[in-house]
N, C-alpha and C. Protein backbone atom coordinates (compact mmCIF):
# COMPACT_ATOMS: atom_id res chain seq x y z
N UNK A 1 205.88 94.46 74.28
CA UNK A 1 206.32 95.46 73.33
C UNK A 1 207.54 96.22 73.86
N UNK A 2 208.30 96.79 72.97
CA UNK A 2 209.47 97.57 73.34
C UNK A 2 209.03 98.83 74.07
N UNK A 3 209.63 99.11 75.21
CA UNK A 3 209.29 100.31 75.97
C UNK A 3 210.07 101.51 75.41
N UNK A 4 209.36 102.38 74.72
CA UNK A 4 210.00 103.55 74.12
C UNK A 4 209.51 104.85 74.74
N UNK A 5 208.62 104.78 75.72
CA UNK A 5 207.98 105.99 76.23
C UNK A 5 208.99 106.98 76.81
N UNK A 6 210.01 106.48 77.52
CA UNK A 6 211.01 107.39 78.09
C UNK A 6 211.78 108.13 77.01
N UNK A 7 212.19 107.40 75.96
CA UNK A 7 212.92 108.02 74.87
C UNK A 7 212.02 108.97 74.09
N UNK A 8 210.78 108.56 73.82
CA UNK A 8 209.84 109.43 73.11
C UNK A 8 209.61 110.72 73.89
N UNK A 9 209.50 110.60 75.22
CA UNK A 9 209.29 111.77 76.06
C UNK A 9 210.49 112.71 75.99
N UNK A 10 211.68 112.14 76.04
CA UNK A 10 212.88 112.99 75.95
C UNK A 10 212.97 113.70 74.61
N UNK A 11 212.67 112.99 73.54
CA UNK A 11 212.73 113.60 72.21
C UNK A 11 211.68 114.70 72.07
N UNK A 12 210.50 114.46 72.63
CA UNK A 12 209.42 115.44 72.53
C UNK A 12 209.69 116.69 73.36
N UNK A 13 210.51 116.55 74.40
CA UNK A 13 210.75 117.67 75.30
C UNK A 13 212.17 118.22 75.25
N UNK A 14 212.90 117.84 74.21
CA UNK A 14 214.23 118.41 74.00
C UNK A 14 215.27 118.02 75.03
N UNK A 15 215.07 116.88 75.68
CA UNK A 15 216.04 116.43 76.67
C UNK A 15 217.12 115.57 75.99
N UNK A 16 218.28 115.49 76.61
CA UNK A 16 219.38 114.73 76.04
C UNK A 16 219.12 113.23 76.14
N UNK A 17 219.28 112.53 75.03
CA UNK A 17 219.15 111.08 74.99
C UNK A 17 220.39 110.53 74.28
N UNK A 18 221.20 109.81 74.99
CA UNK A 18 222.50 109.40 74.46
C UNK A 18 222.44 107.96 73.94
N UNK A 19 222.86 107.79 72.70
CA UNK A 19 222.92 106.48 72.08
C UNK A 19 224.20 106.31 71.31
N UNK A 20 224.33 105.18 70.63
CA UNK A 20 225.53 104.94 69.84
C UNK A 20 225.18 104.07 68.63
N UNK A 21 226.20 103.77 67.85
CA UNK A 21 226.06 103.11 66.55
C UNK A 21 226.68 101.74 66.56
N UNK A 22 226.05 100.80 65.87
CA UNK A 22 226.62 99.46 65.70
C UNK A 22 226.84 99.19 64.22
N UNK A 23 228.08 98.91 63.86
CA UNK A 23 228.41 98.59 62.47
C UNK A 23 229.05 97.20 62.36
N UNK A 24 229.13 96.49 63.49
CA UNK A 24 229.69 95.14 63.53
C UNK A 24 228.60 94.20 64.03
N UNK A 25 228.41 93.08 63.35
CA UNK A 25 227.28 92.19 63.64
C UNK A 25 227.56 91.18 64.74
N UNK A 26 228.72 91.22 65.36
CA UNK A 26 229.03 90.21 66.38
C UNK A 26 228.18 90.43 67.62
N UNK A 27 227.55 89.36 68.15
CA UNK A 27 226.68 89.51 69.32
C UNK A 27 227.39 90.06 70.55
N UNK A 28 228.67 89.76 70.71
CA UNK A 28 229.41 90.27 71.86
C UNK A 28 229.51 91.79 71.82
N UNK A 29 229.65 92.34 70.63
CA UNK A 29 229.72 93.80 70.49
C UNK A 29 228.41 94.43 70.93
N UNK A 30 227.29 93.84 70.51
CA UNK A 30 225.98 94.34 70.90
C UNK A 30 225.79 94.25 72.41
N UNK A 31 226.24 93.15 73.01
CA UNK A 31 226.12 92.99 74.46
C UNK A 31 226.95 94.03 75.21
N UNK A 32 228.16 94.23 74.76
CA UNK A 32 229.04 95.21 75.41
C UNK A 32 228.43 96.60 75.34
N UNK A 33 227.93 96.98 74.16
CA UNK A 33 227.34 98.31 73.98
C UNK A 33 226.05 98.45 74.79
N UNK A 34 225.26 97.38 74.83
CA UNK A 34 223.99 97.43 75.57
C UNK A 34 224.23 97.55 77.07
N UNK A 35 225.34 97.02 77.54
CA UNK A 35 225.67 97.10 78.96
C UNK A 35 226.36 98.40 79.33
N UNK A 36 226.70 99.21 78.34
CA UNK A 36 227.53 100.41 78.58
C UNK A 36 226.74 101.60 79.11
N UNK A 37 225.41 101.49 79.11
CA UNK A 37 224.60 102.58 79.67
C UNK A 37 223.91 103.47 78.67
N UNK A 38 223.98 103.11 77.38
CA UNK A 38 223.29 103.91 76.38
C UNK A 38 221.77 103.69 76.47
N UNK A 39 221.02 104.74 76.12
CA UNK A 39 219.55 104.63 76.12
C UNK A 39 219.04 103.98 74.84
N UNK A 40 219.75 104.18 73.76
CA UNK A 40 219.37 103.58 72.48
C UNK A 40 220.63 103.20 71.72
N UNK A 41 220.49 102.21 70.86
CA UNK A 41 221.57 101.80 69.97
C UNK A 41 221.02 101.68 68.56
N UNK A 42 221.74 102.22 67.61
CA UNK A 42 221.32 102.17 66.21
C UNK A 42 222.16 101.16 65.44
N UNK A 43 221.47 100.21 64.83
CA UNK A 43 222.11 99.22 63.97
C UNK A 43 222.17 99.81 62.57
N UNK A 44 223.37 99.88 62.02
CA UNK A 44 223.57 100.60 60.76
C UNK A 44 223.53 99.67 59.55
N UNK A 45 222.49 99.81 58.75
CA UNK A 45 222.38 99.04 57.52
C UNK A 45 222.83 99.83 56.30
N UNK A 46 223.12 101.12 56.48
CA UNK A 46 223.50 101.95 55.33
C UNK A 46 224.99 101.85 55.02
N UNK A 47 225.81 101.95 56.04
CA UNK A 47 227.26 101.95 55.84
C UNK A 47 227.93 100.82 56.61
N UNK A 48 227.41 99.62 56.46
CA UNK A 48 228.03 98.44 57.07
C UNK A 48 227.70 97.22 56.23
N UNK A 49 228.21 96.08 56.63
CA UNK A 49 227.90 94.83 55.92
C UNK A 49 226.86 94.00 56.68
N UNK A 50 226.18 94.61 57.64
CA UNK A 50 225.19 93.88 58.43
C UNK A 50 224.00 93.50 57.55
N UNK A 51 223.60 92.23 57.61
CA UNK A 51 222.46 91.73 56.86
C UNK A 51 221.21 91.75 57.75
N UNK A 52 220.03 91.55 57.11
CA UNK A 52 218.77 91.64 57.83
C UNK A 52 218.67 90.63 58.97
N UNK A 53 219.06 89.38 58.71
CA UNK A 53 218.96 88.37 59.77
C UNK A 53 219.91 88.67 60.92
N UNK A 54 221.05 89.30 60.61
CA UNK A 54 221.97 89.71 61.66
C UNK A 54 221.39 90.88 62.45
N UNK A 55 220.71 91.77 61.75
CA UNK A 55 220.08 92.91 62.42
C UNK A 55 219.04 92.43 63.43
N UNK A 56 218.26 91.41 63.06
CA UNK A 56 217.26 90.88 63.99
C UNK A 56 217.94 90.31 65.23
N UNK A 57 219.03 89.61 65.05
CA UNK A 57 219.77 89.06 66.20
C UNK A 57 220.24 90.19 67.12
N UNK A 58 220.76 91.26 66.53
CA UNK A 58 221.25 92.39 67.32
C UNK A 58 220.10 93.08 68.05
N UNK A 59 218.96 93.19 67.38
CA UNK A 59 217.77 93.77 68.02
C UNK A 59 217.39 92.96 69.26
N UNK A 60 217.39 91.65 69.12
CA UNK A 60 217.04 90.77 70.24
C UNK A 60 217.98 90.97 71.42
N UNK A 61 219.26 91.07 71.14
CA UNK A 61 220.25 91.26 72.20
C UNK A 61 220.06 92.61 72.88
N UNK A 62 219.90 93.65 72.08
CA UNK A 62 219.74 95.00 72.64
C UNK A 62 218.51 95.08 73.52
N UNK A 63 217.41 94.50 73.05
CA UNK A 63 216.17 94.49 73.82
C UNK A 63 216.33 93.81 75.17
N UNK A 64 217.13 92.76 75.20
CA UNK A 64 217.32 91.99 76.43
C UNK A 64 217.80 92.87 77.58
N UNK A 65 218.55 93.93 77.23
CA UNK A 65 219.11 94.83 78.24
C UNK A 65 218.28 96.10 78.40
N UNK A 66 217.04 96.08 77.90
CA UNK A 66 216.12 97.21 78.02
C UNK A 66 216.67 98.50 77.41
N UNK A 67 217.43 98.32 76.34
CA UNK A 67 217.91 99.46 75.54
C UNK A 67 217.05 99.51 74.29
N UNK A 68 216.75 100.72 73.81
CA UNK A 68 215.87 100.88 72.64
C UNK A 68 216.66 100.58 71.36
N UNK A 69 216.24 99.56 70.58
CA UNK A 69 216.94 99.25 69.33
C UNK A 69 216.35 100.01 68.14
N UNK A 70 217.16 100.88 67.57
CA UNK A 70 216.79 101.58 66.34
C UNK A 70 217.63 101.01 65.20
N UNK A 71 217.15 101.21 63.98
CA UNK A 71 217.91 100.75 62.81
C UNK A 71 218.02 101.89 61.81
N UNK A 72 219.26 102.21 61.42
CA UNK A 72 219.47 103.16 60.33
C UNK A 72 219.37 102.35 59.04
N UNK A 73 218.26 102.54 58.32
CA UNK A 73 218.05 101.80 57.08
C UNK A 73 218.94 102.35 55.98
N UNK A 74 219.08 101.59 54.90
CA UNK A 74 219.97 102.02 53.83
C UNK A 74 219.35 103.08 52.93
N UNK A 75 218.00 103.13 52.92
CA UNK A 75 217.30 104.14 52.12
C UNK A 75 215.87 104.24 52.62
N UNK A 76 215.17 105.23 52.12
CA UNK A 76 213.77 105.45 52.49
C UNK A 76 212.89 104.52 51.66
N UNK A 77 213.00 103.23 52.01
CA UNK A 77 212.40 102.18 51.20
C UNK A 77 211.32 101.46 52.00
N UNK A 78 210.13 101.36 51.44
CA UNK A 78 209.00 100.79 52.18
C UNK A 78 209.24 99.34 52.57
N UNK A 79 209.84 98.55 51.69
CA UNK A 79 210.05 97.13 51.98
C UNK A 79 211.09 96.95 53.08
N UNK A 80 212.20 97.66 52.98
CA UNK A 80 213.23 97.49 54.01
C UNK A 80 212.74 97.97 55.37
N UNK A 81 212.05 99.11 55.40
CA UNK A 81 211.53 99.61 56.67
C UNK A 81 210.52 98.64 57.26
N UNK A 82 209.64 98.11 56.42
CA UNK A 82 208.66 97.14 56.88
C UNK A 82 209.33 95.90 57.46
N UNK A 83 210.34 95.40 56.79
CA UNK A 83 211.00 94.18 57.23
C UNK A 83 211.77 94.40 58.53
N UNK A 84 212.41 95.56 58.66
CA UNK A 84 213.20 95.80 59.87
C UNK A 84 212.29 96.07 61.06
N UNK A 85 211.13 96.70 60.80
CA UNK A 85 210.16 96.88 61.89
C UNK A 85 209.56 95.54 62.29
N UNK A 86 209.27 94.68 61.31
CA UNK A 86 208.75 93.34 61.61
C UNK A 86 209.77 92.51 62.39
N UNK A 87 211.05 92.81 62.21
CA UNK A 87 212.10 92.10 62.94
C UNK A 87 212.16 92.52 64.41
N UNK A 88 211.45 93.61 64.75
CA UNK A 88 211.38 94.02 66.14
C UNK A 88 212.03 95.34 66.48
N UNK A 89 212.46 96.10 65.48
CA UNK A 89 213.05 97.41 65.76
C UNK A 89 212.02 98.33 66.40
N UNK A 90 212.50 99.21 67.28
CA UNK A 90 211.62 100.19 67.91
C UNK A 90 211.38 101.38 67.01
N UNK A 91 212.21 101.52 66.00
CA UNK A 91 212.06 102.64 65.08
C UNK A 91 213.19 102.67 64.09
N UNK A 92 213.14 103.68 63.23
CA UNK A 92 214.11 103.77 62.15
C UNK A 92 214.76 105.15 62.10
N UNK A 93 215.98 105.16 61.63
CA UNK A 93 216.68 106.39 61.28
C UNK A 93 216.80 106.36 59.76
N UNK A 94 216.24 107.35 59.10
CA UNK A 94 216.10 107.31 57.64
C UNK A 94 217.03 108.34 57.00
N UNK A 95 217.95 107.89 56.14
CA UNK A 95 218.90 108.81 55.51
C UNK A 95 218.28 109.58 54.35
N UNK A 96 218.93 110.68 54.00
CA UNK A 96 218.60 111.46 52.81
C UNK A 96 217.13 111.84 52.73
N UNK A 97 216.62 112.38 53.80
CA UNK A 97 215.26 112.93 53.79
C UNK A 97 215.38 114.39 53.38
N UNK A 98 215.01 114.67 52.14
CA UNK A 98 215.27 115.98 51.55
C UNK A 98 214.03 116.82 51.30
N UNK A 99 212.85 116.26 51.56
CA UNK A 99 211.62 116.98 51.26
C UNK A 99 210.52 116.55 52.22
N UNK A 100 209.42 117.30 52.21
CA UNK A 100 208.25 116.93 53.00
C UNK A 100 207.75 115.56 52.58
N UNK A 101 207.75 115.30 51.28
CA UNK A 101 207.31 114.01 50.77
C UNK A 101 208.15 112.87 51.30
N UNK A 102 209.48 113.09 51.36
CA UNK A 102 210.37 112.06 51.91
C UNK A 102 210.05 111.79 53.37
N UNK A 103 209.82 112.86 54.14
CA UNK A 103 209.54 112.71 55.57
C UNK A 103 208.22 111.98 55.79
N UNK A 104 207.21 112.33 55.01
CA UNK A 104 205.92 111.66 55.13
C UNK A 104 206.03 110.17 54.80
N UNK A 105 206.81 109.86 53.77
CA UNK A 105 206.99 108.45 53.41
C UNK A 105 207.66 107.68 54.53
N UNK A 106 208.67 108.27 55.16
CA UNK A 106 209.37 107.59 56.25
C UNK A 106 208.40 107.24 57.38
N UNK A 107 207.50 108.17 57.70
CA UNK A 107 206.51 107.92 58.74
C UNK A 107 205.51 106.86 58.29
N UNK A 108 205.02 107.01 57.07
CA UNK A 108 203.99 106.09 56.56
C UNK A 108 204.51 104.66 56.43
N UNK A 109 205.79 104.51 56.08
CA UNK A 109 206.36 103.18 55.94
C UNK A 109 206.55 102.49 57.29
N UNK A 110 206.59 103.28 58.37
CA UNK A 110 206.80 102.75 59.72
C UNK A 110 205.50 102.41 60.42
N UNK A 111 204.44 103.17 60.12
CA UNK A 111 203.17 103.04 60.85
C UNK A 111 202.15 102.23 60.04
N UNK A 112 201.21 101.62 60.76
CA UNK A 112 200.08 100.94 60.13
C UNK A 112 199.00 101.95 59.75
N UNK A 113 198.12 101.60 58.78
CA UNK A 113 196.96 102.44 58.50
C UNK A 113 196.09 102.57 59.76
N UNK A 114 195.41 103.72 59.97
CA UNK A 114 195.29 104.83 59.02
C UNK A 114 196.41 105.85 59.09
N UNK A 115 197.27 105.79 60.12
CA UNK A 115 198.37 106.76 60.23
C UNK A 115 199.42 106.56 59.15
N UNK A 116 199.60 105.33 58.72
CA UNK A 116 200.63 105.04 57.73
C UNK A 116 200.15 104.12 56.63
N UNK A 117 201.11 103.55 55.91
CA UNK A 117 200.81 102.66 54.79
C UNK A 117 201.58 101.35 54.87
N UNK A 118 202.14 101.07 56.02
CA UNK A 118 202.95 99.86 56.17
C UNK A 118 202.08 98.60 56.05
N UNK A 119 202.55 97.66 55.28
CA UNK A 119 201.86 96.39 55.14
C UNK A 119 201.90 95.59 56.42
N UNK A 120 200.87 94.80 56.65
CA UNK A 120 200.76 94.03 57.89
C UNK A 120 201.21 92.59 57.65
N UNK A 121 202.15 92.15 58.45
CA UNK A 121 202.61 90.77 58.40
C UNK A 121 202.82 90.27 59.81
N UNK A 122 203.00 88.98 59.97
CA UNK A 122 203.21 88.40 61.29
C UNK A 122 204.63 87.87 61.39
N UNK A 123 205.41 88.54 62.23
CA UNK A 123 206.82 88.16 62.40
C UNK A 123 207.18 88.37 63.87
N UNK A 124 208.45 88.54 64.13
CA UNK A 124 208.90 88.64 65.51
C UNK A 124 208.25 89.80 66.26
N UNK A 125 208.12 90.96 65.61
CA UNK A 125 207.57 92.14 66.28
C UNK A 125 206.16 91.91 66.81
N UNK A 126 205.38 91.13 66.08
CA UNK A 126 203.99 90.86 66.46
C UNK A 126 203.86 89.56 67.25
N UNK A 127 204.98 89.06 67.78
CA UNK A 127 204.94 87.80 68.52
C UNK A 127 204.53 86.65 67.63
N UNK A 128 204.87 86.77 66.34
CA UNK A 128 204.52 85.75 65.34
C UNK A 128 203.00 85.53 65.28
N UNK A 129 202.27 86.62 65.58
CA UNK A 129 200.82 86.58 65.50
C UNK A 129 200.12 86.59 66.85
N UNK A 130 200.78 86.08 67.87
CA UNK A 130 200.15 85.97 69.19
C UNK A 130 199.96 87.33 69.86
N UNK A 131 200.76 88.32 69.46
CA UNK A 131 200.70 89.64 70.11
C UNK A 131 200.32 90.73 69.11
N UNK A 132 199.61 90.37 68.06
CA UNK A 132 199.32 91.35 67.01
C UNK A 132 198.51 92.53 67.53
N UNK A 133 197.45 92.28 68.28
CA UNK A 133 196.60 93.37 68.75
C UNK A 133 197.38 94.35 69.63
N UNK A 134 198.22 93.82 70.48
CA UNK A 134 199.04 94.67 71.34
C UNK A 134 200.03 95.48 70.51
N UNK A 135 200.64 94.82 69.51
CA UNK A 135 201.60 95.52 68.66
C UNK A 135 200.91 96.60 67.85
N UNK A 136 199.73 96.31 67.35
CA UNK A 136 198.98 97.27 66.54
C UNK A 136 198.72 98.55 67.33
N UNK A 137 198.41 98.42 68.61
CA UNK A 137 198.17 99.59 69.45
C UNK A 137 199.47 100.36 69.71
N UNK A 138 200.59 99.60 69.81
CA UNK A 138 201.87 100.23 70.12
C UNK A 138 202.48 100.98 68.94
N UNK A 139 202.43 100.38 67.75
CA UNK A 139 203.29 100.83 66.66
C UNK A 139 203.03 102.27 66.23
N UNK A 140 201.77 102.69 66.19
CA UNK A 140 201.49 104.03 65.69
C UNK A 140 201.83 105.13 66.69
N UNK A 141 201.91 104.78 67.97
CA UNK A 141 202.24 105.77 68.99
C UNK A 141 203.63 105.58 69.58
N UNK A 142 204.09 104.34 69.62
CA UNK A 142 205.35 104.05 70.30
C UNK A 142 206.57 103.99 69.40
N UNK A 143 206.38 103.72 68.11
CA UNK A 143 207.53 103.62 67.22
C UNK A 143 208.17 104.99 67.00
N UNK A 144 209.44 104.98 66.66
CA UNK A 144 210.23 106.21 66.55
C UNK A 144 210.74 106.40 65.13
N UNK A 145 210.57 107.61 64.61
CA UNK A 145 211.07 107.96 63.28
C UNK A 145 212.03 109.14 63.40
N UNK A 146 213.27 108.90 63.00
CA UNK A 146 214.30 109.94 63.00
C UNK A 146 214.73 110.16 61.55
N UNK A 147 214.72 111.40 61.11
CA UNK A 147 215.13 111.70 59.74
C UNK A 147 216.54 112.29 59.74
N UNK A 148 217.28 111.97 58.71
CA UNK A 148 218.63 112.52 58.57
C UNK A 148 218.62 113.70 57.61
N UNK A 149 219.20 114.80 58.07
CA UNK A 149 219.32 116.02 57.28
C UNK A 149 220.76 116.07 56.78
N UNK A 150 220.95 115.77 55.50
CA UNK A 150 222.33 115.62 55.01
C UNK A 150 222.50 116.06 53.56
N UNK A 151 221.69 117.03 53.15
CA UNK A 151 221.80 117.57 51.79
C UNK A 151 221.29 119.00 51.80
N UNK A 152 221.81 119.82 50.90
CA UNK A 152 221.37 121.22 50.84
C UNK A 152 219.88 121.31 50.53
N UNK A 153 219.35 120.33 49.78
CA UNK A 153 217.90 120.32 49.51
C UNK A 153 217.11 120.17 50.81
N UNK A 154 217.62 119.35 51.73
CA UNK A 154 216.96 119.19 53.03
C UNK A 154 217.01 120.49 53.82
N UNK A 155 218.11 121.20 53.74
CA UNK A 155 218.22 122.48 54.44
C UNK A 155 217.20 123.48 53.89
N UNK A 156 216.99 123.45 52.58
CA UNK A 156 216.03 124.37 51.97
C UNK A 156 214.60 124.07 52.40
N UNK A 157 214.34 122.82 52.81
CA UNK A 157 212.98 122.40 53.21
C UNK A 157 212.90 122.05 54.69
N UNK A 158 213.85 122.54 55.48
CA UNK A 158 214.04 122.05 56.84
C UNK A 158 212.81 122.22 57.73
N UNK A 159 212.24 123.41 57.76
CA UNK A 159 211.10 123.64 58.65
C UNK A 159 209.93 122.72 58.31
N UNK A 160 209.69 122.57 57.02
CA UNK A 160 208.57 121.73 56.58
C UNK A 160 208.82 120.26 56.93
N UNK A 161 210.06 119.79 56.74
CA UNK A 161 210.40 118.39 57.05
C UNK A 161 210.20 118.10 58.53
N UNK A 162 210.72 118.97 59.38
CA UNK A 162 210.66 118.74 60.81
C UNK A 162 209.26 118.92 61.38
N UNK A 163 208.38 119.56 60.60
CA UNK A 163 207.00 119.78 61.05
C UNK A 163 206.07 118.62 60.69
N UNK A 164 206.56 117.64 59.93
CA UNK A 164 205.71 116.51 59.53
C UNK A 164 205.33 115.71 60.77
N UNK A 165 204.05 115.44 60.91
CA UNK A 165 203.55 114.66 62.04
C UNK A 165 204.14 113.25 62.01
N UNK A 166 204.66 112.82 63.14
CA UNK A 166 205.26 111.48 63.21
C UNK A 166 206.77 111.49 63.17
N UNK A 167 207.38 112.63 62.78
CA UNK A 167 208.84 112.75 62.84
C UNK A 167 209.21 113.12 64.26
N UNK A 168 209.94 112.23 64.94
CA UNK A 168 210.27 112.44 66.35
C UNK A 168 211.52 113.28 66.55
N UNK A 169 212.46 113.17 65.63
CA UNK A 169 213.73 113.88 65.79
C UNK A 169 214.49 113.85 64.46
N UNK A 170 215.61 114.55 64.45
CA UNK A 170 216.46 114.53 63.26
C UNK A 170 217.92 114.44 63.67
N UNK A 171 218.73 113.98 62.73
CA UNK A 171 220.18 113.91 62.92
C UNK A 171 220.82 114.56 61.69
N UNK A 172 221.71 115.48 61.93
CA UNK A 172 222.40 116.12 60.81
C UNK A 172 223.56 115.23 60.35
N UNK A 173 223.79 115.19 59.05
CA UNK A 173 224.89 114.43 58.48
C UNK A 173 225.88 115.38 57.83
N UNK A 174 226.87 115.87 58.58
CA UNK A 174 227.73 116.93 58.07
C UNK A 174 228.60 116.54 56.88
N UNK A 175 229.00 115.28 56.78
CA UNK A 175 229.84 114.90 55.64
C UNK A 175 229.06 114.96 54.33
N UNK A 176 227.89 114.32 54.30
CA UNK A 176 227.08 114.36 53.08
C UNK A 176 226.58 115.77 52.79
N UNK A 177 226.27 116.52 53.85
CA UNK A 177 225.83 117.90 53.66
C UNK A 177 226.92 118.73 52.99
N UNK A 178 228.14 118.58 53.50
CA UNK A 178 229.26 119.32 52.89
C UNK A 178 229.52 118.84 51.47
N UNK A 179 229.34 117.54 51.22
CA UNK A 179 229.53 117.03 49.86
C UNK A 179 228.51 117.62 48.90
N UNK A 180 227.27 117.81 49.37
CA UNK A 180 226.24 118.39 48.50
C UNK A 180 226.52 119.84 48.18
N UNK A 181 227.40 120.47 48.96
CA UNK A 181 227.81 121.86 48.71
C UNK A 181 229.11 121.93 47.91
N UNK A 182 229.63 120.74 47.55
CA UNK A 182 230.84 120.70 46.73
C UNK A 182 232.13 120.81 47.52
N UNK A 183 232.06 120.58 48.84
CA UNK A 183 233.27 120.71 49.66
C UNK A 183 233.29 119.60 50.71
N UNK A 184 233.27 118.37 50.27
CA UNK A 184 233.15 117.22 51.16
C UNK A 184 234.20 117.23 52.27
N UNK A 185 233.72 117.20 53.52
CA UNK A 185 234.60 117.12 54.66
C UNK A 185 235.25 118.43 55.09
N UNK A 186 234.93 119.52 54.40
CA UNK A 186 235.52 120.82 54.75
C UNK A 186 234.57 121.56 55.68
N UNK A 187 234.72 121.32 56.97
CA UNK A 187 233.80 121.90 57.95
C UNK A 187 234.17 123.33 58.34
N UNK A 188 235.25 123.86 57.75
CA UNK A 188 235.59 125.27 57.93
C UNK A 188 234.97 126.14 56.85
N UNK A 189 234.34 125.49 55.88
CA UNK A 189 233.67 126.22 54.80
C UNK A 189 232.50 127.02 55.37
N UNK A 190 232.38 128.27 54.98
CA UNK A 190 231.34 129.15 55.52
C UNK A 190 229.94 128.64 55.23
N UNK A 191 229.74 128.06 54.04
CA UNK A 191 228.41 127.55 53.71
C UNK A 191 228.02 126.39 54.63
N UNK A 192 228.98 125.53 54.91
CA UNK A 192 228.73 124.40 55.81
C UNK A 192 228.41 124.92 57.21
N UNK A 193 229.21 125.85 57.69
CA UNK A 193 228.98 126.43 59.01
C UNK A 193 227.59 127.06 59.10
N UNK A 194 227.22 127.80 58.06
CA UNK A 194 225.91 128.46 58.05
C UNK A 194 224.77 127.45 58.08
N UNK A 195 224.95 126.34 57.35
CA UNK A 195 223.92 125.30 57.34
C UNK A 195 223.75 124.67 58.72
N UNK A 196 224.86 124.39 59.38
CA UNK A 196 224.79 123.78 60.71
C UNK A 196 224.13 124.74 61.70
N UNK A 197 224.47 126.03 61.60
CA UNK A 197 223.85 127.03 62.48
C UNK A 197 222.36 127.12 62.21
N UNK A 198 221.99 127.11 60.93
CA UNK A 198 220.57 127.17 60.57
C UNK A 198 219.83 125.94 61.11
N UNK A 199 220.47 124.78 60.98
CA UNK A 199 219.86 123.54 61.47
C UNK A 199 219.53 123.66 62.96
N UNK A 200 220.49 124.12 63.73
CA UNK A 200 220.29 124.24 65.18
C UNK A 200 219.22 125.28 65.50
N UNK A 201 219.22 126.38 64.77
CA UNK A 201 218.24 127.45 65.01
C UNK A 201 216.82 126.98 64.71
N UNK A 202 216.64 126.26 63.59
CA UNK A 202 215.31 125.79 63.21
C UNK A 202 214.81 124.74 64.19
N UNK A 203 215.69 123.82 64.59
CA UNK A 203 215.30 122.81 65.58
C UNK A 203 214.87 123.45 66.88
N UNK A 204 215.59 124.46 67.31
CA UNK A 204 215.25 125.17 68.54
C UNK A 204 213.91 125.89 68.38
N UNK A 205 213.73 126.55 67.25
CA UNK A 205 212.48 127.28 66.99
C UNK A 205 211.28 126.36 67.01
N UNK A 206 211.40 125.17 66.39
CA UNK A 206 210.29 124.23 66.31
C UNK A 206 210.21 123.30 67.52
N UNK A 207 211.19 123.43 68.43
CA UNK A 207 211.26 122.56 69.61
C UNK A 207 211.33 121.09 69.21
N UNK A 208 212.17 120.84 68.20
CA UNK A 208 212.39 119.49 67.72
C UNK A 208 213.79 119.02 68.12
N UNK A 209 213.88 117.82 68.65
CA UNK A 209 215.18 117.29 69.06
C UNK A 209 216.09 117.13 67.86
N UNK A 210 217.34 117.56 68.04
CA UNK A 210 218.32 117.45 66.97
C UNK A 210 219.47 116.57 67.44
N UNK A 211 220.15 115.97 66.49
CA UNK A 211 221.23 115.06 66.85
C UNK A 211 222.40 115.16 65.90
N UNK A 212 223.49 114.50 66.31
CA UNK A 212 224.72 114.54 65.53
C UNK A 212 225.40 113.19 65.64
């Protein structure tokens, strides 16, 4: 199974965990990034042309170098999250989590019952069936769920979202957040500044890891 305990520990204790983004599906790019010293790498399915089979290849490469492979899914969708987890991802970064319900769904789609609602299948993550029991024990405790805070609705529900059991961390999305306030990309806008300050304050108050 993917070793995520060090990253989970850092997220739980507010320590710095440095990762980066992959938007190019070429295996050499994944190898270069995996060798660069990052603790985690996120494969981006939301704003790239990377396909599912390419994502699995990138996951395999990243794992080879003992780097934690995360996937930023295109939406909070049960089927896509299930498929990317079955491909071997250590966890997901879920965009547009704007409510407690959204946060709970992100967790439930990642975990098996009783903690979640993810359907059970046999694919690469489960060793094509040979490692199912081991994977079953790992997934509910070892998998990682990161929610993206990128809308004013999310800011209005921030404490409740970050308090959902199973949410390991969050990442703020300043461009979409500013767009939801009607001032896309204007980071000098007072409302945007106030939202970012509130985000940091709430994360600190709840002792939840925050990211950018």
